[in-house]
């Protein structure tokens, strides 16, 4: 009986040591950090050596983070590709009170550009925002800001794919509630 208890203690200590080692080696939380220049640019556009100052020269208060990113055919960036191949250049590590954010700008219903970053966010009452999406309309212009908190070692939460999945999930949930009420 004592051997059985000793064996359980040893196995428990080994598992505890392994879990501490795994946690110690896990990468920290990360957010994507870059500006996608939008569908009007592709990999053949002239943008070499452009800076954020060049990218937002006509817009006041529009956030921009380098590197500046374009996609092969003007579509949304492939976040898995960026994560796999450009993680060091296109991510940031959020501070203790930071969240991951995506600011997307639309004109007349069409996307213009998007900026991904680590930041702090507050609502109109001064309360910290940890997750959710918010829109501001100004005539034909719409700014959509989405905030989230990444988990350690995972793909940053401010990726387009996750936002689309969450939107689709919310849509399905709303449809399910509507069907159940009928």
Protein backbone atom coordinates (compact mmCIF):
# COMPACT_ATOMS: atom_id res chain seq x y z
CA UNK A 1 0.00 0.00 0.00
CA UNK A 2 2.81 2.43 0.88
CA UNK A 3 4.54 1.62 -2.41
CA UNK A 4 1.32 2.48 -4.25
CA UNK A 5 1.05 5.85 -2.47
CA UNK A 6 4.76 6.57 -3.05
CA UNK A 7 4.35 5.74 -6.73
CA UNK A 8 1.37 8.13 -6.99
CA UNK A 9 3.36 10.89 -5.28
CA UNK A 10 6.33 10.39 -7.61
CA UNK A 11 4.09 10.37 -10.69
CA UNK A 12 2.33 13.48 -9.39
CA UNK A 13 5.63 15.28 -8.85
CA UNK A 14 6.83 14.31 -12.33
CA UNK A 15 3.60 15.57 -13.90
CA UNK A 16 3.81 18.79 -11.88
CA UNK A 17 7.42 19.31 -12.97
CA UNK A 18 6.51 18.70 -16.61
CA UNK A 19 3.60 21.13 -16.47
CA UNK A 20 5.80 23.82 -14.89
CA UNK A 21 8.40 23.21 -17.60
CA UNK A 22 5.78 23.41 -20.35
CA UNK A 23 4.35 26.65 -18.96
CA UNK A 24 7.84 28.12 -18.63
CA UNK A 25 8.59 27.29 -22.27
CA UNK A 26 5.24 28.43 -23.70
CA UNK A 27 5.37 31.63 -25.70
CA UNK A 28 3.62 34.65 -24.26
CA UNK A 29 0.36 36.12 -25.47
CA UNK A 30 0.64 37.86 -28.82
CA UNK A 31 -1.39 40.19 -31.00
CA UNK A 32 -0.98 40.83 -34.68
CA UNK A 33 0.59 44.23 -35.29
CA UNK A 34 0.65 45.61 -38.83
CA UNK A 35 -1.39 47.70 -41.24
CA UNK A 36 -3.00 46.06 -44.24
CA UNK A 37 -3.14 48.73 -46.93
CA UNK A 38 -6.41 47.42 -48.34
CA UNK A 39 -7.75 45.89 -51.54
CA UNK A 40 -6.48 48.71 -53.74
CA UNK A 41 -2.93 47.37 -53.24
CA UNK A 42 -1.49 44.00 -54.23
CA UNK A 43 1.96 42.45 -54.45
CA UNK A 44 2.63 44.35 -57.70
CA UNK A 45 1.80 47.79 -56.24
CA UNK A 46 4.56 50.30 -55.67
CA UNK A 47 4.81 50.59 -51.89
CA UNK A 48 8.43 49.63 -51.18
CA UNK A 49 9.98 51.69 -48.37
CA UNK A 50 6.59 53.25 -47.60
CA UNK A 51 6.00 54.18 -43.97
CA UNK A 52 2.92 54.70 -41.84
CA UNK A 53 3.34 58.42 -42.42
CA UNK A 54 2.95 57.80 -46.17
CA UNK A 55 0.03 55.41 -45.65
CA UNK A 56 -2.15 57.74 -43.54
CA UNK A 57 -1.02 61.12 -44.89
CA UNK A 58 -4.55 62.15 -45.84
CA UNK A 59 -6.34 60.84 -42.75
CA UNK A 60 -6.10 62.37 -39.31
CA UNK A 61 -6.26 60.07 -36.29
CA UNK A 62 -6.10 56.81 -38.26
CA UNK A 63 -3.84 54.32 -36.48
CA UNK A 64 -1.07 52.67 -38.45
CA UNK A 65 1.50 50.06 -37.41
CA UNK A 66 4.44 48.84 -39.43
CA UNK A 67 5.07 46.63 -41.24
CA UNK A 68 2.75 47.67 -44.04
CA UNK A 69 1.15 44.59 -45.58
CA UNK A 70 -0.35 43.94 -49.00
CA UNK A 71 -1.81 40.67 -50.22
CA UNK A 72 -1.23 38.82 -53.46
CA UNK A 73 -4.48 39.87 -55.10
CA UNK A 74 -5.81 42.60 -52.81
CA UNK A 75 -7.79 40.21 -50.60
CA UNK A 76 -7.60 40.17 -46.80
CA UNK A 77 -4.20 39.05 -45.51
CA UNK A 78 -3.62 35.36 -44.89
CA UNK A 79 -3.20 35.47 -41.11
CA UNK A 80 -1.93 31.89 -40.84
CA UNK A 81 0.79 32.69 -43.39
CA UNK A 82 1.80 35.85 -41.51
CA UNK A 83 1.82 33.96 -38.20
CA UNK A 84 3.92 31.12 -39.61
CA UNK A 85 6.37 33.16 -41.71
CA UNK A 86 6.50 36.68 -40.24
CA UNK A 87 5.60 36.26 -36.57
CA UNK A 88 8.59 38.26 -35.29
CA UNK A 89 7.94 41.26 -37.54
CA UNK A 90 4.12 41.34 -37.45
CA UNK A 91 3.20 40.73 -33.81
CA UNK A 92 3.45 42.50 -30.48
CA UNK A 93 3.31 41.25 -26.89
CA UNK A 94 0.51 43.02 -25.02
CA UNK A 95 1.33 44.60 -21.66
CA UNK A 96 -0.65 43.53 -18.60
CA UNK A 97 -3.63 45.83 -19.28
CA UNK A 98 -3.46 45.74 -23.09
CA UNK A 99 -5.80 44.00 -25.50
CA UNK A 100 -5.44 43.01 -29.12
CA UNK A 101 -7.29 45.31 -31.49
CA UNK A 102 -8.27 45.54 -35.13
CA UNK A 103 -9.36 48.88 -36.57
CA UNK A 104 -11.05 48.47 -39.95
CA UNK A 105 -12.02 51.41 -42.12
CA UNK A 106 -14.83 51.31 -44.68
CA UNK A 107 -16.02 53.81 -47.26
CA UNK A 108 -19.40 53.42 -48.88
CA UNK A 109 -19.68 49.85 -47.60
CA UNK A 110 -16.28 48.69 -48.90
CA UNK A 111 -13.17 48.04 -46.84
CA UNK A 112 -10.36 50.59 -47.21
CA UNK A 113 -7.70 49.26 -44.82
CA UNK A 114 -7.18 47.63 -41.43
CA UNK A 115 -4.68 48.05 -38.61
CA UNK A 116 -3.90 45.33 -36.07
CA UNK A 117 -2.18 46.20 -32.77
CA UNK A 118 -1.68 45.93 -29.02
CA UNK A 119 -3.44 48.78 -27.22
CA UNK A 120 -5.58 49.86 -24.30
CA UNK A 121 -9.20 50.74 -24.91
CA UNK A 122 -11.86 52.52 -22.88
CA UNK A 123 -15.53 53.16 -23.52
CA UNK A 124 -17.24 56.55 -23.35
CA UNK A 125 -17.54 56.18 -19.55
CA UNK A 126 -13.81 55.54 -19.14
CA UNK A 127 -14.22 51.82 -18.38
CA UNK A 128 -11.64 49.42 -19.80
CA UNK A 129 -12.75 47.36 -22.79
CA UNK A 130 -11.44 43.79 -22.91
CA UNK A 131 -13.50 42.38 -25.79
CA UNK A 132 -16.18 43.24 -28.29
CA UNK A 133 -16.67 45.22 -31.48
CA UNK A 134 -17.81 48.79 -31.85
CA UNK A 135 -18.72 50.89 -34.90
CA UNK A 136 -18.67 54.60 -35.52
CA UNK A 137 -20.39 56.07 -38.57
CA UNK A 138 -19.64 59.41 -40.16
CA UNK A 139 -21.57 59.76 -43.41
CA UNK A 140 -20.18 57.20 -45.87
CA UNK A 141 -17.27 56.36 -43.55
CA UNK A 142 -17.46 53.56 -40.97
CA UNK A 143 -14.78 52.68 -38.45
CA UNK A 144 -15.06 49.27 -36.81
CA UNK A 145 -12.90 48.55 -33.76
CA UNK A 146 -12.72 45.02 -32.37
CA UNK A 147 -10.94 44.07 -29.14
CA UNK A 148 -9.97 40.70 -27.68
CA UNK A 149 -7.49 38.96 -25.37
CA UNK A 150 -5.20 36.30 -26.80
CA UNK A 151 -4.26 33.14 -24.95
CA UNK A 152 -0.66 32.18 -24.32
CA UNK A 153 0.92 30.25 -27.16
CA UNK A 154 -2.08 30.55 -29.47
CA UNK A 155 -2.74 32.38 -32.71
CA UNK A 156 -3.40 36.06 -31.90
CA UNK A 157 -7.09 36.66 -31.36
CA UNK A 158 -7.18 39.74 -33.63
CA UNK A 159 -7.22 37.72 -36.82
CA UNK A 160 -9.87 38.03 -39.49
CA UNK A 161 -10.69 34.33 -39.51
CA UNK A 162 -11.61 34.28 -35.82
CA UNK A 163 -13.73 37.43 -36.18
CA UNK A 164 -15.63 35.84 -39.07
CA UNK A 165 -16.17 32.63 -37.10
CA UNK A 166 -17.44 34.56 -34.07
CA UNK A 167 -19.76 36.65 -36.26
CA UNK A 168 -21.08 33.51 -37.94
CA UNK A 169 -21.54 31.82 -34.54
CA UNK A 170 -23.46 34.85 -33.24
CA UNK A 171 -25.60 34.79 -36.39
CA UNK A 172 -26.36 31.07 -35.93
CA UNK A 173 -27.19 31.63 -32.26
CA UNK A 174 -29.56 34.47 -33.16
CA UNK A 175 -31.23 32.30 -35.82
CA UNK A 176 -31.57 29.41 -33.36
CA UNK A 177 -33.19 31.66 -30.75
CA UNK A 178 -35.55 33.05 -33.41
CA UNK A 179 -36.51 29.55 -34.58
CA UNK A 180 -37.07 28.33 -31.00
CA UNK A 181 -39.32 31.32 -30.22
CA UNK A 182 -41.42 30.63 -33.36
